[in-house]
């Protein structure tokens, strides 16, 4: 899943606003959460250290994973240290967490290999021709407990 965090100060410059967006449709980000924090609380947490700031920024509704929380805390610290009024956007893609050095994890490699094996089952080249002969047709040997009478036509009246 792709996520975007928009970190900014409110119009009065007295509060910090963090908006979390998620890609719910292809390349369309939707707002899923917005949290507002008082400046005094955020400044106090910054003075106490990174872990205190992360604990302050995490709420019941906004709870990013550790890696994302650290980057969010760094962006918040940057806003307060530089007094920049420009919002900061952070983009995260969960598939980046699953890949290491551009390589897919073994589980994903196994799934792709399995898909290739399934595709191989669909090839007709490996099926011997004699398996399609009429004399080896096991379907003809099946006996059905239901008997359908060919003499009585089935009349279905459509009443409109």
N, C-alpha and C. Protein backbone atom coordinates (compact mmCIF):
# COMPACT_ATOMS: atom_id res chain seq x y z
N UNK A 1 0.84 -1.16 0.00
CA UNK A 1 0.00 0.00 0.00
C UNK A 1 0.90 1.23 0.00
N UNK A 2 0.47 2.23 -0.73
CA UNK A 2 1.20 3.49 -0.76
C UNK A 2 0.51 4.48 0.18
N UNK A 3 1.34 5.23 0.92
CA UNK A 3 0.82 6.21 1.85
C UNK A 3 1.55 7.53 1.65
N UNK A 4 0.86 8.59 2.04
CA UNK A 4 1.47 9.91 1.98
C UNK A 4 1.09 10.63 3.28
N UNK A 5 2.07 11.29 3.87
CA UNK A 5 1.83 12.10 5.05
C UNK A 5 2.13 13.54 4.70
N UNK A 6 1.20 14.43 5.00
CA UNK A 6 1.38 15.86 4.78
C UNK A 6 1.49 16.49 6.17
N UNK A 7 2.62 17.11 6.43
CA UNK A 7 2.89 17.70 7.73
C UNK A 7 2.98 19.21 7.55
N UNK A 8 2.15 19.95 8.29
CA UNK A 8 2.12 21.40 8.13
C UNK A 8 1.66 22.08 9.41
N UNK A 9 1.86 23.39 9.45
CA UNK A 9 1.36 24.19 10.56
C UNK A 9 0.00 24.74 10.15
N UNK A 10 -0.89 24.97 11.13
CA UNK A 10 -2.20 25.52 10.80
C UNK A 10 -2.05 27.00 10.44
N UNK A 11 -3.14 27.64 10.07
CA UNK A 11 -3.09 29.04 9.60
C UNK A 11 -2.57 29.99 10.67
N UNK A 12 -2.88 29.73 11.93
CA UNK A 12 -2.43 30.60 13.02
C UNK A 12 -1.00 30.29 13.45
N UNK A 13 -0.42 29.24 12.92
CA UNK A 13 0.93 28.78 13.27
C UNK A 13 1.03 28.38 14.74
N UNK A 14 -0.08 27.93 15.31
CA UNK A 14 -0.10 27.54 16.72
C UNK A 14 -0.27 26.04 16.91
N UNK A 15 -0.51 25.35 15.83
CA UNK A 15 -0.75 23.91 15.92
C UNK A 15 -0.08 23.20 14.74
N UNK A 16 0.26 21.95 14.99
CA UNK A 16 0.82 21.09 13.95
C UNK A 16 -0.28 20.18 13.43
N UNK A 17 -0.36 20.05 12.11
CA UNK A 17 -1.38 19.20 11.49
C UNK A 17 -0.66 18.11 10.69
N UNK A 18 -1.06 16.87 10.92
CA UNK A 18 -0.54 15.73 10.14
C UNK A 18 -1.74 15.07 9.48
N UNK A 19 -1.67 14.98 8.15
CA UNK A 19 -2.72 14.32 7.37
C UNK A 19 -2.13 13.06 6.74
N UNK A 20 -2.85 11.98 6.92
CA UNK A 20 -2.43 10.70 6.34
C UNK A 20 -3.34 10.38 5.17
N UNK A 21 -2.72 10.11 4.03
CA UNK A 21 -3.43 9.72 2.83
C UNK A 21 -3.01 8.31 2.46
N UNK A 22 -3.92 7.55 1.88
CA UNK A 22 -3.61 6.20 1.42
C UNK A 22 -4.10 6.04 -0.01
N UNK A 23 -3.38 5.24 -0.76
CA UNK A 23 -3.77 4.97 -2.15
C UNK A 23 -4.81 3.86 -2.15
N UNK A 24 -6.08 4.29 -2.13
CA UNK A 24 -7.17 3.32 -2.13
C UNK A 24 -7.55 2.91 -3.55
N UNK A 25 -7.38 3.80 -4.51
CA UNK A 25 -7.54 3.51 -5.93
C UNK A 25 -6.20 3.76 -6.60
N UNK A 26 -6.04 3.20 -7.77
CA UNK A 26 -4.78 3.33 -8.50
C UNK A 26 -4.40 4.79 -8.67
N UNK A 27 -3.28 5.19 -8.05
CA UNK A 27 -2.70 6.53 -8.15
C UNK A 27 -3.63 7.64 -7.68
N UNK A 28 -4.61 7.30 -6.83
CA UNK A 28 -5.50 8.31 -6.25
C UNK A 28 -5.39 8.18 -4.73
N UNK A 29 -4.86 9.22 -4.10
CA UNK A 29 -4.71 9.22 -2.65
C UNK A 29 -5.95 9.81 -1.99
N UNK A 30 -6.43 9.14 -0.96
CA UNK A 30 -7.60 9.58 -0.22
C UNK A 30 -7.20 9.86 1.23
N UNK A 31 -7.77 10.91 1.79
CA UNK A 31 -7.49 11.26 3.17
C UNK A 31 -8.12 10.22 4.09
N UNK A 32 -7.30 9.62 4.95
CA UNK A 32 -7.81 8.61 5.87
C UNK A 32 -7.74 9.07 7.33
N UNK A 33 -6.90 10.07 7.61
CA UNK A 33 -6.79 10.54 8.98
C UNK A 33 -6.17 11.93 9.01
N UNK A 34 -6.62 12.74 9.96
CA UNK A 34 -6.00 14.05 10.21
C UNK A 34 -5.92 14.25 11.71
N UNK A 35 -4.72 14.55 12.19
CA UNK A 35 -4.51 14.80 13.62
C UNK A 35 -3.89 16.18 13.79
N UNK A 36 -4.30 16.88 14.84
CA UNK A 36 -3.80 18.21 15.15
C UNK A 36 -3.15 18.17 16.53
N UNK A 37 -1.98 18.79 16.66
CA UNK A 37 -1.23 18.79 17.91
C UNK A 37 -0.91 20.23 18.30
N UNK A 38 -0.98 20.51 19.59
CA UNK A 38 -0.66 21.82 20.10
C UNK A 38 0.85 22.04 20.02
N UNK A 39 1.27 23.26 19.65
CA UNK A 39 2.70 23.58 19.50
C UNK A 39 3.49 23.31 20.78
N UNK A 40 2.94 23.66 21.91
CA UNK A 40 3.65 23.49 23.18
C UNK A 40 3.96 22.02 23.44
N UNK A 41 3.00 21.16 23.14
CA UNK A 41 3.18 19.72 23.36
C UNK A 41 4.26 19.17 22.43
N UNK A 42 4.22 19.61 21.16
CA UNK A 42 5.20 19.12 20.18
C UNK A 42 6.60 19.61 20.53
N UNK A 43 6.74 20.88 20.88
CA UNK A 43 8.05 21.43 21.24
C UNK A 43 8.62 20.73 22.47
N UNK A 44 7.77 20.45 23.44
CA UNK A 44 8.21 19.74 24.64
C UNK A 44 8.70 18.33 24.28
N UNK A 45 7.98 17.66 23.40
CA UNK A 45 8.36 16.30 22.99
C UNK A 45 9.68 16.32 22.21
N UNK A 46 9.89 17.34 21.38
CA UNK A 46 11.15 17.45 20.63
C UNK A 46 12.32 17.59 21.60
N UNK A 47 12.14 18.37 22.65
CA UNK A 47 13.21 18.57 23.64
C UNK A 47 13.53 17.28 24.38
N UNK A 48 12.53 16.42 24.58
CA UNK A 48 12.74 15.16 25.30
C UNK A 48 13.41 14.09 24.45
N UNK A 49 13.37 14.26 23.12
CA UNK A 49 14.03 13.29 22.26
C UNK A 49 13.09 12.66 21.24
N UNK A 50 13.72 11.89 20.34
CA UNK A 50 12.99 11.29 19.21
C UNK A 50 11.88 10.35 19.68
N UNK A 51 12.16 9.51 20.66
CA UNK A 51 11.16 8.54 21.13
C UNK A 51 9.95 9.23 21.76
N UNK A 52 10.20 10.31 22.49
CA UNK A 52 9.10 11.05 23.09
C UNK A 52 8.25 11.72 22.01
N UNK A 53 8.91 12.22 20.98
CA UNK A 53 8.17 12.86 19.88
C UNK A 53 7.33 11.83 19.13
N UNK A 54 7.90 10.67 18.88
CA UNK A 54 7.14 9.60 18.20
C UNK A 54 5.93 9.20 19.04
N UNK A 55 6.11 9.06 20.34
CA UNK A 55 5.00 8.70 21.23
C UNK A 55 3.92 9.78 21.22
N UNK A 56 4.33 11.04 21.11
CA UNK A 56 3.37 12.14 21.07
C UNK A 56 2.60 12.14 19.76
N UNK A 57 3.28 11.87 18.65
CA UNK A 57 2.65 11.92 17.32
C UNK A 57 1.75 10.72 17.04
N UNK A 58 2.00 9.63 17.72
CA UNK A 58 1.16 8.44 17.53
C UNK A 58 -0.11 8.59 18.35
N UNK A 59 -1.23 8.38 17.69
CA UNK A 59 -2.52 8.44 18.37
C UNK A 59 -3.29 7.17 18.07
N UNK A 60 -4.49 7.10 18.57
CA UNK A 60 -5.32 5.93 18.28
C UNK A 60 -5.64 5.85 16.79
N UNK A 61 -5.78 6.98 16.12
CA UNK A 61 -6.14 7.00 14.70
C UNK A 61 -4.92 7.09 13.78
N UNK A 62 -3.84 7.65 14.27
CA UNK A 62 -2.63 7.84 13.46
C UNK A 62 -1.51 7.08 14.15
N UNK A 63 -1.19 5.92 13.63
CA UNK A 63 -0.18 5.07 14.27
C UNK A 63 0.69 4.44 13.19
N UNK A 64 1.62 5.22 12.61
CA UNK A 64 2.48 4.66 11.57
C UNK A 64 3.48 3.64 12.15
N UNK A 65 3.94 2.74 11.31
CA UNK A 65 4.93 1.76 11.75
C UNK A 65 6.22 2.49 12.10
N UNK A 66 7.12 1.81 12.77
CA UNK A 66 8.34 2.43 13.30
C UNK A 66 9.15 3.23 12.30
N UNK A 67 9.40 2.67 11.14
CA UNK A 67 10.21 3.35 10.13
C UNK A 67 9.53 4.64 9.69
N UNK A 68 8.24 4.57 9.45
CA UNK A 68 7.49 5.75 9.02
C UNK A 68 7.39 6.78 10.16
N UNK A 69 7.24 6.30 11.39
CA UNK A 69 7.15 7.20 12.54
C UNK A 69 8.44 7.97 12.73
N UNK A 70 9.58 7.31 12.52
CA UNK A 70 10.87 7.98 12.65
C UNK A 70 11.03 9.08 11.60
N UNK A 71 10.64 8.78 10.38
CA UNK A 71 10.76 9.78 9.32
C UNK A 71 9.78 10.94 9.53
N UNK A 72 8.60 10.62 10.05
CA UNK A 72 7.63 11.67 10.37
C UNK A 72 8.16 12.56 11.49
N UNK A 73 8.74 11.96 12.51
CA UNK A 73 9.32 12.72 13.62
C UNK A 73 10.46 13.61 13.13
N UNK A 74 11.28 13.11 12.22
CA UNK A 74 12.38 13.91 11.67
C UNK A 74 11.84 15.11 10.89
N UNK A 75 10.75 14.89 10.14
CA UNK A 75 10.15 15.99 9.38
C UNK A 75 9.55 17.04 10.31
N UNK A 76 8.91 16.59 11.39
CA UNK A 76 8.33 17.52 12.36
C UNK A 76 9.45 18.34 13.02
N UNK A 77 10.52 17.68 13.40
CA UNK A 77 11.66 18.37 13.99
C UNK A 77 12.22 19.41 13.03
N UNK A 78 12.30 19.07 11.76
CA UNK A 78 12.81 20.00 10.75
C UNK A 78 11.91 21.24 10.65
N UNK A 79 10.60 21.03 10.71
CA UNK A 79 9.66 22.16 10.63
C UNK A 79 9.88 23.11 11.81
N UNK A 80 10.06 22.56 13.01
CA UNK A 80 10.18 23.40 14.20
C UNK A 80 11.57 24.02 14.34
N UNK A 81 12.60 23.35 13.85
CA UNK A 81 13.96 23.90 13.95
C UNK A 81 14.22 24.98 12.92
N UNK A 82 13.61 24.87 11.75
CA UNK A 82 13.91 25.81 10.67
C UNK A 82 12.86 26.92 10.56
N UNK A 83 11.77 26.80 11.30
CA UNK A 83 10.67 27.76 11.21
C UNK A 83 10.19 27.94 9.77
N UNK A 84 10.23 26.89 8.99
CA UNK A 84 9.75 26.92 7.62
C UNK A 84 8.25 26.72 7.63
N UNK A 85 7.54 27.55 6.88
CA UNK A 85 6.08 27.44 6.83
C UNK A 85 5.59 26.52 5.71
N UNK A 86 6.51 25.97 4.96
CA UNK A 86 6.13 25.09 3.86
C UNK A 86 5.77 23.71 4.39
N UNK A 87 4.69 23.14 3.90
CA UNK A 87 4.35 21.77 4.32
C UNK A 87 5.37 20.77 3.78
N UNK A 88 5.51 19.68 4.49
CA UNK A 88 6.42 18.61 4.08
C UNK A 88 5.58 17.40 3.73
N UNK A 89 5.86 16.80 2.58
CA UNK A 89 5.17 15.58 2.16
C UNK A 89 6.14 14.40 2.26
N UNK A 90 5.68 13.36 2.87
CA UNK A 90 6.44 12.11 2.95
C UNK A 90 5.66 11.03 2.20
N UNK A 91 6.35 10.32 1.31
CA UNK A 91 5.72 9.24 0.55
C UNK A 91 6.31 7.91 1.00
N UNK A 92 5.44 6.94 1.21
CA UNK A 92 5.87 5.61 1.61
C UNK A 92 5.17 4.57 0.75
N UNK A 93 5.92 3.55 0.38
CA UNK A 93 5.37 2.43 -0.39
C UNK A 93 5.77 1.15 0.34
N UNK A 94 4.80 0.39 0.79
CA UNK A 94 5.08 -0.82 1.57
C UNK A 94 5.89 -1.85 0.80
N UNK A 95 5.82 -1.82 -0.51
CA UNK A 95 6.61 -2.79 -1.28
C UNK A 95 8.10 -2.52 -1.12
N UNK A 96 8.47 -1.27 -0.81
CA UNK A 96 9.88 -0.97 -0.55
C UNK A 96 10.38 -1.71 0.69
N UNK A 97 9.49 -1.93 1.66
CA UNK A 97 9.87 -2.68 2.85
C UNK A 97 10.08 -4.15 2.54
N UNK A 98 9.37 -4.65 1.55
CA UNK A 98 9.47 -6.07 1.21
C UNK A 98 10.68 -6.38 0.33
N UNK A 99 11.20 -5.38 -0.33
CA UNK A 99 12.35 -5.60 -1.21
C UNK A 99 13.61 -5.17 -0.49
N UNK A 100 14.67 -5.86 -0.78
CA UNK A 100 15.96 -5.53 -0.19
C UNK A 100 16.98 -5.46 -1.31
N UNK A 101 17.57 -4.32 -1.49
CA UNK A 101 18.55 -4.09 -2.55
C UNK A 101 17.97 -4.41 -3.92
N UNK A 102 16.71 -4.04 -4.12
CA UNK A 102 16.08 -4.25 -5.42
C UNK A 102 15.70 -5.69 -5.69
N UNK A 103 15.85 -6.56 -4.70
CA UNK A 103 15.54 -7.98 -4.87
C UNK A 103 14.29 -8.34 -4.09
N UNK A 104 13.44 -9.11 -4.69
CA UNK A 104 12.22 -9.55 -4.02
C UNK A 104 12.55 -10.57 -2.96
N UNK A 105 11.76 -10.64 -1.89
CA UNK A 105 12.00 -11.67 -0.88
C UNK A 105 11.75 -13.06 -1.47
N UNK A 106 12.36 -14.08 -0.88
CA UNK A 106 12.21 -15.44 -1.42
C UNK A 106 10.76 -15.89 -1.55
N UNK A 107 9.90 -15.45 -0.68
CA UNK A 107 8.50 -15.86 -0.75
C UNK A 107 7.89 -15.42 -2.08
N UNK A 108 8.17 -14.18 -2.49
CA UNK A 108 7.63 -13.68 -3.75
C UNK A 108 8.24 -14.42 -4.93
N UNK A 109 9.54 -14.74 -4.84
CA UNK A 109 10.18 -15.52 -5.91
C UNK A 109 9.52 -16.89 -6.05
N UNK A 110 9.21 -17.53 -4.91
CA UNK A 110 8.55 -18.84 -4.94
C UNK A 110 7.18 -18.76 -5.59
N UNK A 111 6.44 -17.70 -5.30
CA UNK A 111 5.12 -17.54 -5.89
C UNK A 111 5.22 -17.37 -7.40
N UNK A 112 6.21 -16.62 -7.87
CA UNK A 112 6.37 -16.44 -9.31
C UNK A 112 6.76 -17.76 -9.98
N UNK A 113 7.63 -18.54 -9.32
CA UNK A 113 8.03 -19.83 -9.88
C UNK A 113 6.83 -20.77 -9.93
N UNK A 114 6.00 -20.73 -8.90
CA UNK A 114 4.81 -21.57 -8.87
C UNK A 114 3.84 -21.18 -9.99
N UNK A 115 3.72 -19.88 -10.24
CA UNK A 115 2.86 -19.42 -11.32
C UNK A 115 3.39 -19.92 -12.67
N UNK A 116 4.70 -19.93 -12.83
CA UNK A 116 5.29 -20.42 -14.07
C UNK A 116 5.02 -21.92 -14.25
N UNK A 117 5.06 -22.67 -13.14
CA UNK A 117 4.76 -24.10 -13.21
C UNK A 117 3.30 -24.33 -13.60
N UNK A 118 2.42 -23.52 -13.09
CA UNK A 118 1.00 -23.64 -13.44
C UNK A 118 0.80 -23.35 -14.92
N UNK A 119 1.48 -22.33 -15.42
CA UNK A 119 1.39 -22.02 -16.84
C UNK A 119 1.87 -23.19 -17.68
N UNK A 120 2.87 -23.89 -17.19
CA UNK A 120 3.38 -25.06 -17.90
C UNK A 120 2.36 -26.18 -17.99
N UNK A 121 1.47 -26.27 -17.03
CA UNK A 121 0.43 -27.30 -17.05
C UNK A 121 -0.58 -27.07 -18.17
N UNK A 122 -0.69 -25.86 -18.60
CA UNK A 122 -1.65 -25.53 -19.64
C UNK A 122 -1.16 -25.87 -21.04
N UNK A 123 0.11 -26.19 -21.16
CA UNK A 123 0.66 -26.53 -22.48
C UNK A 123 0.17 -27.91 -22.91
N UNK A 124 -0.29 -28.04 -24.14
CA UNK A 124 -0.77 -29.32 -24.68
C UNK A 124 0.36 -30.20 -25.18
N UNK A 125 1.54 -29.67 -25.29
CA UNK A 125 2.65 -30.42 -25.89
C UNK A 125 3.03 -31.64 -25.06
N UNK A 126 2.87 -31.58 -23.75
CA UNK A 126 3.30 -32.67 -22.88
C UNK A 126 2.25 -33.77 -22.75
N UNK A 127 1.07 -33.58 -23.28
CA UNK A 127 0.00 -34.58 -23.16
C UNK A 127 0.09 -35.54 -24.35
N UNK A 128 0.21 -36.83 -24.09
CA UNK A 128 0.29 -37.80 -25.20
C UNK A 128 -1.03 -37.87 -25.97
N UNK A 129 -0.93 -38.08 -27.25
CA UNK A 129 -2.09 -38.11 -28.14
C UNK A 129 -3.05 -39.25 -27.80
N UNK A 130 -2.53 -40.39 -27.34
CA UNK A 130 -3.39 -41.53 -27.08
C UNK A 130 -4.33 -41.30 -25.90
N UNK A 131 -4.06 -40.32 -25.09
CA UNK A 131 -4.96 -40.07 -23.97
C UNK A 131 -6.29 -39.50 -24.44
N UNK A 132 -6.38 -39.09 -25.69
CA UNK A 132 -7.62 -38.54 -26.22
C UNK A 132 -8.40 -39.56 -27.05
N UNK A 133 -7.94 -40.79 -27.12
CA UNK A 133 -8.62 -41.82 -27.89
C UNK A 133 -9.97 -42.15 -27.26
N UNK A 134 -10.93 -42.59 -28.12
CA UNK A 134 -12.27 -42.93 -27.66
C UNK A 134 -12.28 -44.17 -26.78
N UNK A 135 -11.39 -45.09 -27.02
CA UNK A 135 -11.42 -46.33 -26.25
C UNK A 135 -10.95 -46.11 -24.81
N UNK A 136 -10.23 -45.02 -24.55
CA UNK A 136 -9.80 -44.72 -23.19
C UNK A 136 -10.73 -43.72 -22.51
N UNK A 137 -11.87 -43.51 -23.09
CA UNK A 137 -12.78 -42.49 -22.57
C UNK A 137 -13.52 -43.02 -21.34
N UNK A 138 -13.09 -42.56 -20.17
CA UNK A 138 -13.70 -43.01 -18.91
C UNK A 138 -15.06 -42.38 -18.68
N UNK A 139 -15.36 -41.32 -19.36
CA UNK A 139 -16.65 -40.65 -19.17
C UNK A 139 -17.79 -41.56 -19.61
N UNK A 140 -17.59 -42.35 -20.63
CA UNK A 140 -18.64 -43.24 -21.11
C UNK A 140 -18.97 -44.33 -20.09
N UNK A 141 -18.07 -44.62 -19.19
CA UNK A 141 -18.27 -45.68 -18.21
C UNK A 141 -19.08 -45.21 -17.00
N UNK A 142 -19.32 -43.93 -16.88
CA UNK A 142 -20.05 -43.40 -15.74
C UNK A 142 -21.53 -43.72 -15.89
N UNK A 143 -22.10 -44.27 -14.83
CA UNK A 143 -23.54 -44.54 -14.85
C UNK A 143 -24.22 -43.50 -13.96
N UNK A 144 -25.30 -42.99 -14.46
CA UNK A 144 -26.02 -41.94 -13.74
C UNK A 144 -27.25 -42.54 -13.05
N UNK A 145 -27.52 -42.17 -11.81
CA UNK A 145 -28.71 -42.68 -11.14
C UNK A 145 -29.98 -42.00 -11.66
N UNK A 146 -29.85 -40.90 -12.36
CA UNK A 146 -31.01 -40.20 -12.89
C UNK A 146 -31.27 -40.67 -14.32
N UNK A 147 -32.50 -40.94 -14.62
CA UNK A 147 -32.88 -41.35 -15.97
C UNK A 147 -33.76 -40.26 -16.56
N UNK A 148 -33.42 -39.81 -17.70
CA UNK A 148 -34.19 -38.78 -18.38
C UNK A 148 -34.96 -39.43 -19.51
N UNK A 149 -36.24 -39.20 -19.52
CA UNK A 149 -37.08 -39.78 -20.54
C UNK A 149 -37.03 -38.91 -21.78
N UNK A 150 -36.71 -39.52 -22.87
CA UNK A 150 -36.65 -38.79 -24.13
C UNK A 150 -38.04 -38.66 -24.77
N UNK A 151 -39.02 -39.49 -24.30
CA UNK A 151 -40.35 -39.50 -24.90
C UNK A 151 -41.22 -38.33 -24.45
N UNK A 152 -41.04 -37.89 -23.21
CA UNK A 152 -41.89 -36.83 -22.69
C UNK A 152 -41.18 -35.48 -22.83
N UNK A 153 -41.71 -34.65 -23.69
CA UNK A 153 -41.08 -33.33 -23.80
C UNK A 153 -41.40 -32.50 -22.57
N UNK A 154 -40.52 -31.66 -22.23
CA UNK A 154 -40.73 -30.79 -21.07
C UNK A 154 -41.38 -29.52 -21.57
N UNK A 155 -42.58 -29.23 -21.04
CA UNK A 155 -43.28 -28.02 -21.40
C UNK A 155 -43.12 -27.00 -20.30
N UNK A 156 -42.60 -25.87 -20.68
CA UNK A 156 -42.47 -24.78 -19.72
C UNK A 156 -43.29 -23.63 -20.27
N UNK A 157 -44.30 -23.28 -19.53
CA UNK A 157 -45.15 -22.14 -19.96
C UNK A 157 -44.68 -20.90 -19.22
N UNK A 158 -44.40 -19.88 -19.99
CA UNK A 158 -44.04 -18.60 -19.40
C UNK A 158 -45.29 -17.79 -19.23
N UNK A 159 -45.63 -17.51 -18.01
CA UNK A 159 -46.78 -16.71 -17.74
C UNK A 159 -46.31 -15.29 -17.46
N UNK A 160 -46.64 -14.38 -18.33
CA UNK A 160 -46.20 -12.99 -18.17
C UNK A 160 -47.29 -12.13 -17.63
